[in-house]
Amino acid sequence: MLRPASKYGIAGAITALLALTGCGSSSDDATGGDPSPAPATATAQAAAKDKGPECVGEATAGGLHVLRGGGYRLPGGGGVQYDTATADGTTRTASLRDGASYADGQKKQTVRAGQQITVSGHAYKVSQVCSYRVVLAPQDAKDKAAAAAAPKSLESKGGEADNGLCFSTNPSVLAAAAKGFPAKGSTLSVLRNGGVTRFPTGLSITVSYVDTKTHTAGFGANCAAIPVAMYKDVRVGDTVEFAGVLFKVSGLAEGVVRMTRTGA
């Protein structure tokens, strides 16, 4: 929930990046490998600002949160990625790609809130489309139950063994992930040159670039050997999500991204 190359999509060069995990206090670990994609080249040209709306639709209880630029291993097999976001000031759509991580030739589809879709052979309703996530509600009772199943342990083992921590709607998993972040209203700082900010339940977050000319940044997360989020061209005031917890980007400086927790 909470343990992400072209600049605007998911690239094959992205290595294992979070999903829904992140228990314990964060730390800046300069010894670990950088799980994020290579930093984007800084440019003086202003990055296009998302026209909004931020979200369309309502997040369904028990829905799967697929984070922008990242992938999600689905219950029952297969996976899905939130490839790109589009908004025109009135409506919002998302491009979804089959598969939990990028590969050539994957099926893509553009979706809107309220739409019924099939992903990796399983039926879902798109309950919400946001700039930072897509929420998919499983339509099969077995898939819904599998997503909500309690893991054997809340301790991270690494790799696919953390699937039950990183891709889960179970309340105990979500609560454990939420405890790993600063309290609501407090700020989480992630250093560009500080290596990987890790969380005991498997989530890791890395800043890939901060562009002081365009006042934008790119940062993402890995969990269970999957790039679960990759937010690019993010600005101060934008909303992002890690392991089911919402943050507002509150500061961008050369070498650091600051995010204030807004979600419980």
Protein backbone atom coordinates (compact mmCIF):
# COMPACT_ATOMS: atom_id res chain seq x y z
CA MET A 1 0.00 0.00 0.00
CA LEU A 2 2.40 1.97 1.05
CA ARG A 3 6.48 -0.39 0.67
CA PRO A 4 7.31 3.91 -9.67
CA ALA A 5 11.62 6.22 -19.98
CA SER A 6 9.89 8.68 -21.37
CA LYS A 7 9.16 11.73 -19.31
CA TYR A 8 5.39 11.35 -19.48
CA GLY A 9 4.85 7.58 -19.30
CA ILE A 10 6.18 4.42 -17.73
CA ALA A 11 9.43 3.33 -19.33
CA GLY A 12 11.03 -0.03 -19.58
CA ALA A 13 14.05 1.45 -17.83
CA ILE A 14 12.07 1.91 -14.65
CA THR A 15 13.30 -0.60 -12.11
CA ALA A 16 11.37 -1.89 -9.21
CA LEU A 17 9.69 1.35 -7.80
CA LEU A 18 5.73 1.54 -4.09
CA ALA A 19 2.35 0.57 -3.72
CA LEU A 20 0.46 0.30 -0.59
CA THR A 21 2.96 -0.04 2.23
CA GLY A 22 5.12 1.96 4.49
CA CYS A 23 5.21 1.17 8.21
CA GLY A 24 7.77 2.61 10.60
CA SER A 25 9.61 5.89 10.53
CA SER A 26 11.26 6.94 7.30
CA SER A 27 14.98 7.34 6.89
CA ASP A 28 17.32 8.61 4.21
CA ASP A 29 19.43 5.64 3.22
CA ALA A 30 22.39 6.59 1.07
CA THR A 31 23.65 3.03 0.83
CA GLY A 32 20.74 1.51 -1.04
CA GLY A 33 20.37 1.33 -4.81
CA ASP A 34 18.26 4.00 -6.45
CA PRO A 35 14.97 2.32 -7.46
CA SER A 36 13.69 5.27 -9.46
CA PRO A 37 14.08 5.86 -13.18
CA ALA A 38 16.92 8.00 -14.43
CA PRO A 39 16.45 11.72 -13.71
CA ALA A 40 14.72 13.67 -16.44
CA THR A 41 16.82 16.29 -18.20
CA ALA A 42 16.18 19.73 -16.75
CA THR A 43 14.80 22.25 -19.20
CA ALA A 44 14.01 25.94 -19.07
CA GLN A 45 10.80 25.33 -20.95
CA ALA A 46 7.87 25.42 -18.55
CA ALA A 47 6.20 22.06 -18.05
CA ALA A 48 2.55 21.94 -19.02
CA LYS A 49 0.29 22.42 -16.01
CA ASP A 50 -2.53 19.95 -15.46
CA LYS A 51 -5.79 21.75 -16.24
CA GLY A 52 -7.87 19.67 -13.84
CA PRO A 53 -10.26 18.80 -12.36
CA GLU A 54 -8.10 16.99 -9.83
CA CYS A 55 -10.55 14.10 -9.46
CA VAL A 56 -13.69 12.83 -11.16
CA GLY A 57 -15.86 10.24 -9.40
CA GLU A 58 -15.74 8.87 -5.87
CA ALA A 59 -13.23 6.40 -4.43
CA THR A 60 -15.07 3.17 -3.65
CA ALA A 61 -14.37 1.50 -0.30
CA GLY A 62 -12.25 -1.55 -1.05
CA GLY A 63 -11.12 -0.13 -4.38
CA LEU A 64 -7.59 -0.71 -5.67
CA HIS A 65 -5.50 2.48 -5.79
CA VAL A 66 -3.32 2.46 -8.90
CA LEU A 67 -0.92 5.39 -8.61
CA ARG A 68 0.12 7.59 -11.50
CA GLY A 69 3.13 6.33 -13.39
CA GLY A 70 3.11 3.07 -11.44
CA GLY A 71 1.82 -0.46 -11.52
CA TYR A 72 -0.33 -2.70 -9.35
CA ARG A 73 -0.36 -6.50 -9.08
CA LEU A 74 -3.99 -7.54 -9.29
CA PRO A 75 -5.69 -10.20 -7.16
CA GLY A 76 -6.18 -13.31 -9.24
CA GLY A 77 -3.16 -12.60 -11.42
CA GLY A 78 -1.96 -10.00 -13.87
CA GLY A 79 -1.55 -6.32 -13.26
CA VAL A 80 -2.32 -2.80 -14.40
CA GLN A 81 -0.42 0.48 -14.78
CA TYR A 82 -1.64 4.08 -14.71
CA ASP A 83 0.29 5.21 -17.75
CA THR A 84 -0.75 8.81 -18.45
CA ALA A 85 -3.28 11.39 -17.25
CA THR A 86 -5.33 13.79 -19.38
CA ALA A 87 -7.59 16.66 -18.30
CA ASP A 88 -9.12 19.61 -20.15
CA GLY A 89 -10.56 21.63 -17.26
CA THR A 90 -13.90 19.82 -17.38
CA THR A 91 -13.26 16.11 -17.69
CA ARG A 92 -10.45 13.73 -16.80
CA THR A 93 -9.30 10.48 -18.36
CA ALA A 94 -6.50 8.02 -17.68
CA SER A 95 -4.58 5.70 -19.94
CA LEU A 96 -4.22 2.24 -18.37
CA ARG A 97 -1.76 -0.40 -19.53
CA ASP A 98 -2.06 -4.14 -18.86
CA GLY A 99 0.72 -5.58 -16.71
CA ALA A 100 2.13 -4.57 -13.33
CA SER A 101 5.36 -3.30 -14.94
CA TYR A 102 6.25 -1.97 -18.36
CA ALA A 103 6.83 -4.23 -21.36
CA ASP A 104 6.57 -3.69 -25.10
CA GLY A 105 3.28 -4.55 -26.76
CA GLN A 106 1.05 -4.24 -23.70
CA LYS A 107 -2.63 -3.47 -24.26
CA LYS A 108 -3.66 0.10 -23.43
CA GLN A 109 -7.07 1.63 -22.87
CA THR A 110 -8.35 5.11 -22.03
CA VAL A 111 -10.85 5.15 -19.17
CA ARG A 112 -13.26 7.51 -17.42
CA ALA A 113 -14.92 7.40 -14.01
CA GLY A 114 -17.96 5.11 -13.97
CA GLN A 115 -16.73 2.91 -16.81
CA GLN A 116 -16.75 -0.88 -16.64
CA ILE A 117 -13.48 -2.36 -17.92
CA THR A 118 -11.58 -5.63 -18.17
CA VAL A 119 -7.95 -5.74 -17.07
CA SER A 120 -5.83 -8.90 -17.28
CA GLY A 121 -9.03 -10.87 -17.78
CA HIS A 122 -10.76 -9.50 -14.67
CA ALA A 123 -13.73 -7.12 -14.44
CA TYR A 124 -13.43 -3.75 -12.68
CA LYS A 125 -15.41 -0.54 -12.39
CA VAL A 126 -13.43 2.68 -12.64
CA SER A 127 -14.86 4.43 -9.59
CA GLN A 128 -12.52 7.45 -9.63
CA VAL A 129 -9.93 9.04 -11.90
CA CYS A 130 -7.56 11.57 -10.33
CA SER A 131 -4.39 13.29 -11.43
CA TYR A 132 -2.52 11.10 -8.94
CA ARG A 133 -4.47 7.79 -8.94
CA VAL A 134 -7.13 5.64 -10.51
CA VAL A 135 -9.42 3.64 -8.21
CA LEU A 136 -10.62 0.29 -9.57
CA ALA A 137 -13.44 -1.59 -7.83
CA PRO A 138 -13.24 -5.39 -8.34
CA GLN A 139 -16.50 -6.75 -9.75
CA ASP A 140 -15.81 -10.37 -8.82
CA ALA A 141 -16.35 -11.28 -5.16
CA LYS A 142 -13.28 -13.55 -5.18
CA ASP A 143 -11.04 -10.74 -6.45
CA LYS A 144 -12.43 -8.35 -3.83
CA ALA A 145 -11.87 -10.89 -1.04
CA ALA A 146 -8.33 -11.64 -2.24
CA ALA A 147 -7.43 -7.95 -2.23
CA ALA A 148 -8.71 -7.58 1.34
CA ALA A 149 -7.07 -10.72 2.74
CA ALA A 150 -4.81 -10.25 5.77
CA PRO A 151 -1.15 -11.10 5.17
CA LYS A 152 0.63 -13.65 7.34
CA SER A 153 2.97 -10.93 8.58
CA LEU A 154 3.28 -7.14 8.46
CA GLU A 155 7.05 -7.45 8.20
CA SER A 156 8.64 -6.86 4.82
CA LYS A 157 10.48 -9.81 3.29
CA GLY A 158 11.43 -8.12 0.02
CA GLY A 159 10.43 -8.74 -3.58
CA GLU A 160 7.19 -10.49 -4.49
CA ALA A 161 6.90 -11.79 -0.93
CA ASP A 162 5.62 -8.31 -0.08
CA ASN A 163 2.64 -8.49 -2.45
CA GLY A 164 0.26 -8.77 0.51
CA LEU A 165 1.68 -5.54 1.94
CA CYS A 166 2.07 -3.51 -1.23
CA PHE A 167 -1.13 -4.44 -3.07
CA SER A 168 -3.81 -4.75 -0.44
CA THR A 169 -7.04 -3.19 0.78
CA ASN A 170 -6.80 -4.93 4.16
CA PRO A 171 -7.40 -2.43 7.03
CA SER A 172 -4.50 -3.71 9.13
CA VAL A 173 -2.08 -3.32 6.22
CA LEU A 174 -3.32 0.18 5.44
CA ALA A 175 -3.05 1.16 9.10
CA ALA A 176 0.51 -0.18 9.33
CA ALA A 177 1.50 1.74 6.22
CA ALA A 178 -0.06 4.97 7.48
CA LYS A 179 1.88 4.75 10.75
CA GLY A 180 5.12 4.84 8.81
CA PHE A 181 4.60 8.46 7.76
CA PRO A 182 4.70 11.71 9.72
CA ALA A 183 1.41 12.60 11.42
CA LYS A 184 -1.32 14.46 9.55
CA GLY A 185 -0.24 18.07 9.06
CA SER A 186 3.45 17.20 9.36
CA THR A 187 5.98 17.19 6.55
CA LEU A 188 7.90 14.35 4.90
CA SER A 189 11.16 15.45 3.24
CA VAL A 190 12.81 13.28 0.62
CA LEU A 191 16.34 14.19 -0.47
CA ARG A 192 17.43 14.03 -4.11
CA ASN A 193 20.96 12.98 -3.16
CA GLY A 194 20.03 11.09 -0.02
CA GLY A 195 19.53 7.70 -1.62
CA VAL A 196 16.27 5.90 -0.91
CA THR A 197 13.75 6.72 1.79
CA ARG A 198 12.63 3.30 3.02
CA PHE A 199 9.74 2.03 5.11
CA PRO A 200 9.76 -1.26 7.07
CA THR A 201 6.77 -2.75 5.24
CA GLY A 202 8.42 -2.60 1.84
CA LEU A 203 7.84 0.85 0.40
CA SER A 204 10.70 3.01 -0.83
CA ILE A 205 10.52 6.56 -2.20
CA THR A 206 13.11 8.31 -4.35
CA VAL A 207 13.36 11.79 -5.89
CA SER A 208 14.53 11.50 -9.50
CA TYR A 209 14.82 15.21 -10.31
CA VAL A 210 14.05 18.72 -9.11
CA ASP A 211 13.97 21.37 -11.85
CA THR A 212 14.40 24.79 -10.26
CA LYS A 213 13.80 26.54 -13.60
CA THR A 214 10.35 25.08 -14.20
CA HIS A 215 9.62 24.61 -10.47
CA THR A 216 8.71 20.99 -11.04
CA ALA A 217 9.97 17.67 -9.70
CA GLY A 218 9.79 13.97 -10.35
CA PHE A 219 9.65 11.33 -7.63
CA GLY A 220 8.27 7.86 -7.23
CA ALA A 221 8.11 4.69 -5.21
CA ASN A 222 8.81 0.97 -5.37
CA CYS A 223 7.15 -1.88 -3.53
CA ALA A 224 7.40 -5.66 -3.96
CA ALA A 225 9.88 -5.14 -6.83
CA ILE A 226 7.32 -3.06 -8.76
CA PRO A 227 7.49 0.66 -9.60
CA VAL A 228 4.21 1.60 -7.92
CA ALA A 229 4.29 5.35 -8.58
CA MET A 230 6.18 7.85 -10.69
CA TYR A 231 5.00 11.42 -10.37
CA LYS A 232 6.54 13.73 -12.98
CA ASP A 233 6.25 17.49 -13.51
CA VAL A 234 4.83 17.83 -10.00
CA ARG A 235 4.39 21.35 -8.63
CA VAL A 236 3.88 22.85 -5.18
CA GLY A 237 0.21 22.37 -4.29
CA ASP A 238 -0.21 19.11 -6.22
CA THR A 239 -1.64 16.06 -4.47
CA VAL A 240 0.21 12.74 -4.44
CA GLU A 241 -0.46 9.43 -2.73
CA PHE A 242 1.71 6.75 -1.19
CA ALA A 243 0.34 3.59 0.41
CA GLY A 244 -3.15 4.97 0.64
CA VAL A 245 -2.05 8.19 2.37
CA LEU A 246 -2.49 11.58 0.70
CA PHE A 247 0.12 14.35 0.67
CA LYS A 248 0.23 17.88 -0.68
CA VAL A 249 3.54 18.92 -2.21
CA SER A 250 4.57 21.84 0.00
CA GLY A 251 8.10 22.63 -1.12
CA LEU A 252 10.54 22.05 -3.97
CA ALA A 253 14.17 23.04 -3.69
CA GLU A 254 17.32 21.87 -5.36
CA GLY A 255 17.88 18.44 -3.90
CA VAL A 256 14.73 18.05 -1.79
CA VAL A 257 10.97 17.52 -2.11
CA ARG A 258 8.74 18.30 0.86
CA MET A 259 5.26 16.83 1.20
CA THR A 260 2.73 17.69 3.91
CA ARG A 261 0.47 14.85 4.95
CA THR A 262 -3.19 15.72 4.39
CA GLY A 263 -4.75 12.26 4.74
CA ALA A 264 -5.52 10.41 7.95
